[in-house]
Protein backbone atom coordinates (compact mmCIF):
# COMPACT_ATOMS: atom_id res chain seq x y z
CA UNK A 1 51.79 135.72 89.32
CA UNK A 2 50.20 136.87 92.46
CA UNK A 3 46.58 135.90 93.55
CA UNK A 4 45.16 139.29 94.49
CA UNK A 5 46.92 141.61 92.22
CA UNK A 6 47.53 145.11 93.58
CA UNK A 7 49.83 146.01 90.71
CA UNK A 8 49.40 144.57 87.33
CA UNK A 9 51.81 145.77 84.49
CA UNK A 10 50.81 144.34 80.92
CA UNK A 11 52.99 144.64 77.71
CA UNK A 12 54.72 147.87 78.91
CA UNK A 13 56.98 149.45 76.39
CA UNK A 14 58.85 152.82 76.96
CA UNK A 15 61.07 154.59 74.66
CA UNK A 16 63.23 157.65 74.78
CA UNK A 17 63.40 159.71 71.73
CA UNK A 18 66.49 161.58 70.72
CA UNK A 19 67.36 163.78 67.63
CA UNK A 20 68.63 160.74 65.75
CA UNK A 21 67.88 157.62 67.51
CA UNK A 22 65.24 155.80 69.59
CA UNK A 23 66.28 154.30 73.03
CA UNK A 24 64.40 151.08 73.71
CA UNK A 25 64.20 151.34 77.49
CA UNK A 26 61.61 148.81 78.38
CA UNK A 27 59.95 146.32 75.97
CA UNK A 28 56.81 144.28 76.44
CA UNK A 29 57.17 144.12 80.33
CA UNK A 30 54.72 142.11 82.29
CA UNK A 31 54.76 142.00 86.08
CA UNK A 32 52.36 141.65 88.91
CA UNK A 33 52.36 142.12 92.67
CA UNK A 34 49.86 141.18 95.41
CA UNK A 35 49.20 143.01 98.73
CA UNK A 36 51.92 142.84 101.26
CA UNK A 37 54.43 141.10 98.80
CA UNK A 38 57.90 142.57 97.89
CA UNK A 39 59.31 142.29 94.44
CA UNK A 40 63.06 142.66 93.72
CA UNK A 41 63.96 144.30 90.34
CA UNK A 42 67.53 143.15 89.67
CA UNK A 43 69.83 143.95 86.63
CA UNK A 44 72.78 146.04 85.36
CA UNK A 45 72.68 149.73 84.93
CA UNK A 46 70.54 150.45 81.92
CA UNK A 47 68.28 147.53 82.22
CA UNK A 48 65.20 149.65 82.55
CA UNK A 49 64.45 149.22 86.28
CA UNK A 50 64.11 152.80 87.04
CA UNK A 51 62.13 153.49 83.81
CA UNK A 52 59.68 150.86 84.84
CA UNK A 53 59.03 152.27 88.35
CA UNK A 54 58.89 155.87 86.94
CA UNK A 55 56.30 154.66 84.58
CA UNK A 56 54.14 153.47 87.53
CA UNK A 57 54.58 156.87 89.32
CA UNK A 58 54.05 158.66 85.95
CA UNK A 59 56.96 160.73 86.58
CA UNK A 60 58.84 160.02 83.31
CA UNK A 61 60.35 163.14 81.70
CA UNK A 62 58.11 163.63 78.57
CA UNK A 63 59.68 164.36 76.31
CA UNK A 64 62.00 162.49 75.67
CA UNK A 65 60.24 159.62 77.24
CA UNK A 66 57.28 158.08 75.77
CA UNK A 67 54.96 155.26 76.88
CA UNK A 68 54.57 153.46 73.54
CA UNK A 69 52.02 150.74 74.60
CA UNK A 70 50.93 148.75 77.65
CA UNK A 71 48.71 149.03 80.81
CA UNK A 72 49.68 149.58 84.37
CA UNK A 73 46.66 148.48 86.50
CA UNK A 74 46.77 149.63 90.17
CA UNK A 75 43.93 148.16 92.26
CA UNK A 76 41.92 147.72 89.17
CA UNK A 77 42.63 151.08 87.63
CA UNK A 78 44.82 151.80 84.65
CA UNK A 79 47.39 154.53 85.84
CA UNK A 80 48.16 155.39 82.32
CA UNK A 81 44.50 156.57 81.61
CA UNK A 82 43.99 158.62 84.76
CA UNK A 83 44.16 162.42 84.59
CA UNK A 84 47.13 164.24 86.08
CA UNK A 85 44.93 165.59 88.73
CA UNK A 86 43.84 162.21 89.78
CA UNK A 87 47.40 160.99 89.62
CA UNK A 88 48.60 163.65 92.01
CA UNK A 89 46.11 162.30 94.65
CA UNK A 90 47.54 158.75 94.09
CA UNK A 91 51.15 159.81 94.45
CA UNK A 92 52.25 159.91 97.97
CA UNK A 93 48.77 158.65 99.25
CA UNK A 94 48.48 155.28 97.61
CA UNK A 95 51.90 154.85 95.83
CA UNK A 96 55.06 156.34 97.46
CA UNK A 97 58.74 156.24 96.22
CA UNK A 98 62.05 156.36 98.13
CA UNK A 99 64.56 157.67 95.81
CA UNK A 100 68.27 156.51 95.50
CA UNK A 101 69.71 159.90 96.79
CA UNK A 102 68.01 161.33 99.78
CA UNK A 103 69.55 164.72 99.49
CA UNK A 104 67.92 165.30 95.98
CA UNK A 105 64.44 164.37 97.60
CA UNK A 106 64.70 166.89 100.49
CA UNK A 107 64.17 170.56 100.38
CA UNK A 108 67.36 172.22 101.96
CA UNK A 109 65.59 175.26 103.35
CA UNK A 110 62.67 173.30 105.05
CA UNK A 111 62.89 171.59 108.41
CA UNK A 112 62.39 167.77 108.02
CA UNK A 113 59.13 167.84 110.15
CA UNK A 114 57.80 170.53 107.98
CA UNK A 115 58.56 168.58 104.79
CA UNK A 116 56.78 165.47 106.17
CA UNK A 117 53.79 167.66 107.33
CA UNK A 118 53.46 169.12 103.92
CA UNK A 119 52.83 165.60 102.40
CA UNK A 120 50.30 164.82 105.24
CA UNK A 121 48.29 168.00 104.77
CA UNK A 122 48.34 167.69 100.96
CA UNK A 123 46.72 164.16 101.09
CA UNK A 124 44.94 163.85 104.45
CA UNK A 125 44.11 167.47 105.28
CA UNK A 126 43.95 168.62 108.98
CA UNK A 127 45.57 171.42 110.75
CA UNK A 128 49.17 172.45 110.71
CA UNK A 129 49.54 171.38 114.33
CA UNK A 130 47.92 167.83 113.62
CA UNK A 131 50.21 167.35 110.69
CA UNK A 132 53.45 168.33 112.57
CA UNK A 133 52.56 166.06 115.43
CA UNK A 134 52.09 163.12 112.84
CA UNK A 135 55.27 164.10 111.17
CA UNK A 136 57.20 163.80 114.59
CA UNK A 137 55.48 160.46 115.13
CA UNK A 138 56.72 159.35 111.81
CA UNK A 139 60.28 160.39 112.63
CA UNK A 140 60.02 158.41 115.94
CA UNK A 141 58.68 155.49 113.93
CA UNK A 142 61.91 155.36 111.91
CA UNK A 143 64.16 155.83 114.86
CA UNK A 144 64.67 159.63 114.81
CA UNK A 145 63.91 161.66 117.99
CA UNK A 146 60.88 163.87 117.50
CA UNK A 147 62.82 167.04 118.71
CA UNK A 148 65.12 166.70 115.60
CA UNK A 149 62.00 167.57 113.46
CA UNK A 150 63.04 171.05 113.65
CA UNK A 151 66.50 170.40 112.01
CA UNK A 152 67.40 170.84 108.37
CA UNK A 153 68.55 168.09 106.09
CA UNK A 154 72.20 169.17 105.99
CA UNK A 155 72.32 168.52 109.90
CA UNK A 156 71.63 164.54 109.29
CA UNK A 157 73.93 161.89 108.15
CA UNK A 158 73.36 159.92 105.10
CA UNK A 159 71.59 157.14 106.92
CA UNK A 160 69.51 159.51 108.96
CA UNK A 161 68.45 161.52 105.79
CA UNK A 162 67.38 158.17 104.25
CA UNK A 163 65.23 157.45 107.22
CA UNK A 164 63.58 160.86 106.96
CA UNK A 165 62.76 160.03 103.27
CA UNK A 166 61.39 156.68 104.35
CA UNK A 167 59.23 158.48 107.07
CA UNK A 168 57.98 160.85 104.29
CA UNK A 169 57.10 158.05 101.97
CA UNK A 170 55.29 156.20 104.77
CA UNK A 171 53.56 159.26 106.20
CA UNK A 172 50.15 158.70 104.50
CA UNK A 173 50.22 154.79 104.92
CA UNK A 174 50.56 154.04 101.17
CA UNK A 175 49.58 150.63 99.97
CA UNK A 176 52.40 150.43 97.54
CA UNK A 177 56.00 151.46 98.10
CA UNK A 178 58.80 151.87 95.47
CA UNK A 179 62.45 151.86 96.75
CA UNK A 180 64.97 152.72 94.07
CA UNK A 181 68.24 151.37 95.53
CA UNK A 182 67.60 153.09 99.06
CA UNK A 183 70.79 151.76 100.45
CA UNK A 184 73.30 152.37 97.74
CA UNK A 185 75.01 155.55 99.20
CA UNK A 186 74.78 153.92 102.86
CA UNK A 187 77.75 151.93 104.79
CA UNK A 188 77.01 148.56 105.58
CA UNK A 189 76.00 148.98 109.22
CA UNK A 190 73.37 151.77 108.33
CA UNK A 191 72.25 149.63 105.35
CA UNK A 192 71.45 146.85 107.61
CA UNK A 193 69.54 149.15 109.82
CA UNK A 194 67.55 150.72 107.01
CA UNK A 195 66.68 147.24 105.66
CA UNK A 196 65.58 146.09 109.11
CA UNK A 197 63.40 149.10 109.36
CA UNK A 198 61.76 148.55 105.96
CA UNK A 199 61.00 144.84 106.93
CA UNK A 200 59.53 145.93 110.14
CA UNK A 201 57.27 148.59 108.57
CA UNK A 202 56.32 146.16 105.73
CA UNK A 203 55.09 143.64 108.39
CA UNK A 204 53.33 146.48 110.39
CA UNK A 205 51.46 148.02 107.55
CA UNK A 206 51.34 145.12 105.05
CA UNK A 207 52.58 147.46 102.33
CA UNK A 208 53.40 145.86 98.93
CA UNK A 209 56.87 147.02 97.72
CA UNK A 210 59.13 147.02 94.56
CA UNK A 211 62.95 147.18 95.46
CA UNK A 212 65.31 148.12 92.87
CA UNK A 213 68.84 146.97 93.76
CA UNK A 214 72.09 145.62 92.34
CA UNK A 215 72.68 143.67 95.53
CA UNK A 216 71.51 140.13 95.52
CA UNK A 217 72.06 139.88 99.28
CA UNK A 218 69.40 142.36 99.82
CA UNK A 219 67.17 140.54 97.48
CA UNK A 220 67.62 137.39 99.66
CA UNK A 221 67.06 139.47 102.78
CA UNK A 222 63.78 141.21 101.96
CA UNK A 223 62.11 139.97 98.70
CA UNK A 224 59.32 137.49 98.07
CA UNK A 225 59.66 137.52 94.37
CA UNK A 226 62.47 138.53 91.95
CA UNK A 227 62.48 139.77 88.30
CA UNK A 228 65.83 139.69 86.55
CA UNK A 229 65.95 142.53 83.82
CA UNK A 230 68.29 142.82 80.91
CA UNK A 231 68.21 145.34 78.15
CA UNK A 232 64.62 146.44 78.86
CA UNK A 233 63.16 142.99 79.36
CA UNK A 234 62.45 140.50 82.14
CA UNK A 235 64.64 137.48 81.37
CA UNK A 236 63.74 135.42 84.55
CA UNK A 237 60.97 135.69 87.04
CA UNK A 238 60.12 133.71 90.02
CA UNK A 239 59.90 133.41 93.87
CA UNK A 240 63.22 134.19 95.88
CA UNK A 241 63.75 130.47 96.10
CA UNK A 242 63.35 129.82 92.44
CA UNK A 243 65.99 132.55 91.58
CA UNK A 244 68.42 131.43 94.18
CA UNK A 245 68.04 127.69 94.20
CA UNK A 246 66.96 126.95 90.63
CA UNK A 247 68.68 129.51 88.59
CA UNK A 248 68.00 128.98 84.98
CA UNK A 249 68.79 131.95 82.72
CA UNK A 250 72.61 132.33 81.60
CA UNK A 251 72.41 136.02 82.60
CA UNK A 252 71.08 135.34 86.09
CA UNK A 253 73.89 132.60 86.50
CA UNK A 254 76.33 135.18 85.40
CA UNK A 255 75.13 137.63 88.04
CA UNK A 256 75.58 135.06 90.85
CA UNK A 257 78.94 134.12 89.43
CA UNK A 258 80.15 137.59 90.03
CA UNK A 259 79.54 137.17 93.87
CA UNK A 260 82.36 135.83 96.17
CA UNK A 261 81.47 132.41 97.56
CA UNK A 262 82.85 131.84 100.98
CA UNK A 263 82.25 128.03 100.65
CA UNK A 264 84.43 127.52 97.68
CA UNK A 265 88.05 128.17 96.74
CA UNK A 266 88.21 131.09 94.34
CA UNK A 267 91.27 132.76 93.06
CA UNK A 268 89.17 135.44 91.03
CA UNK A 269 85.59 136.40 90.38
CA UNK A 270 84.04 135.32 87.02
CA UNK A 271 82.69 138.40 85.27
CA UNK A 272 80.14 138.46 82.49
CA UNK A 273 81.95 139.02 79.29
CA UNK A 274 81.21 142.12 77.27
CA UNK A 275 78.94 145.15 77.89
CA UNK A 276 75.21 145.79 77.96
CA UNK A 277 74.06 146.45 74.36
CA UNK A 278 73.34 150.05 72.99
CA UNK A 279 69.71 150.48 73.64
CA UNK A 280 69.47 152.47 70.40
CA UNK A 281 70.84 149.38 68.36
CA UNK A 282 69.76 146.22 70.26
CA UNK A 283 70.97 142.76 68.85
CA UNK A 284 68.82 140.59 66.89
CA UNK A 285 67.16 137.57 68.58
CA UNK A 286 67.94 137.21 72.30
CA UNK A 287 69.47 140.37 73.55
CA UNK A 288 71.93 138.52 75.69
CA UNK A 289 73.26 136.42 72.79
CA UNK A 290 76.41 138.53 72.23
CA UNK A 291 77.54 137.99 75.80
CA UNK A 292 76.10 134.37 76.44
CA UNK A 293 78.73 131.56 76.33
CA UNK A 294 76.01 129.10 75.41
CA UNK A 295 74.43 131.17 72.45
CA UNK A 296 73.40 129.23 69.27
CA UNK A 297 72.36 130.29 65.90
CA UNK A 298 68.71 130.25 67.04
CA UNK A 299 69.62 132.47 70.00
CA UNK A 300 71.03 134.93 67.30
CA UNK A 301 68.05 134.94 65.10
CA UNK A 302 64.93 134.40 67.09
CA UNK A 303 63.73 136.35 70.12
CA UNK A 304 62.79 134.04 73.02
CA UNK A 305 59.44 134.24 74.82
CA UNK A 306 59.03 133.97 78.58
CA UNK A 307 57.96 130.21 79.32
CA UNK A 308 56.83 128.92 82.80
CA UNK A 309 59.45 126.18 83.31
CA UNK A 310 57.92 125.28 86.84
CA UNK A 311 54.92 126.84 88.70
CA UNK A 312 55.55 130.51 89.05
CA UNK A 313 59.13 130.35 87.48
CA UNK A 314 59.41 132.09 84.04
CA UNK A 315 62.45 132.22 81.91
CA UNK A 316 63.04 133.61 78.38
CA UNK A 317 65.86 131.52 77.02
CA UNK A 318 65.90 128.99 74.05
CA UNK A 319 68.47 126.77 75.86
CA UNK A 320 65.85 126.35 78.68
CA UNK A 321 62.79 126.17 76.66
CA UNK A 322 63.83 123.58 74.37
CA UNK A 323 66.36 122.98 71.65
CA UNK A 324 69.56 123.93 73.40
CA UNK A 325 72.35 122.93 75.97
CA UNK A 326 70.49 121.88 78.98
CA UNK A 327 73.55 122.50 81.20
CA UNK A 328 73.60 126.17 80.38
């Protein structure tokens, strides 16, 4: 999918085991990403987005989580096969993550500069003074006055805390950044500022990025490629232009139909009928078939494979890949 693959996930399957059932969180997932590119992971809650990125970081809770099969290549190295000692060197240095809630990512009894400096010293070494200076430089880079480095997390607003987390994630110039709904808890104005900051830093450092979001507006703003996930699978993948201008999968169309359109007269939004399936008891055939208005008997019996319908645009749908309603 990308020419120079920095990240290449092949046939990743992740399950969570409970006492009496198996949660099929991610099934046979394939994704790749090149240097400097941004991929948006989009889907409803429970689609497997966070499990996917936690698998990359190797921070899944085990047990109950278990990587059943697959490979995750980062710069040619399978992350699932490296030792925990080696993985600790990669986390924060080569791959960094911005979590959804900044308050759970920050230590309430350490100043923000000390927390950033701790990451720098762990991966880059150097003296405390050098690390502290770089930490203050990073705060300035994300629009926080360096003197505020001596403040504690509770002294910052939600948007400022998120900026601190971004500064921490970028402190060691990672080649790959994961952002798990980084703007969910922020108001619209602060959200726009954080997105503008991430675009600026991406351009400055040529950092590859995976952005998890429910917001298709954010995808349009920042992502080069988009993967639509449903019930643990990628059902549509393509460039931003493919997904927005040549939407193919009924689920993707359903997501767009939930968004107000200022150019058409709408009395009400059109929701996707039904609920996401129980991950311990997934439907036979296409996993979207119980909610799909175009589902056929083939959809209920046979699982669809991802097929390239135009260069770089992949869809897993029988209706698109032959033998169905072409108007779906």
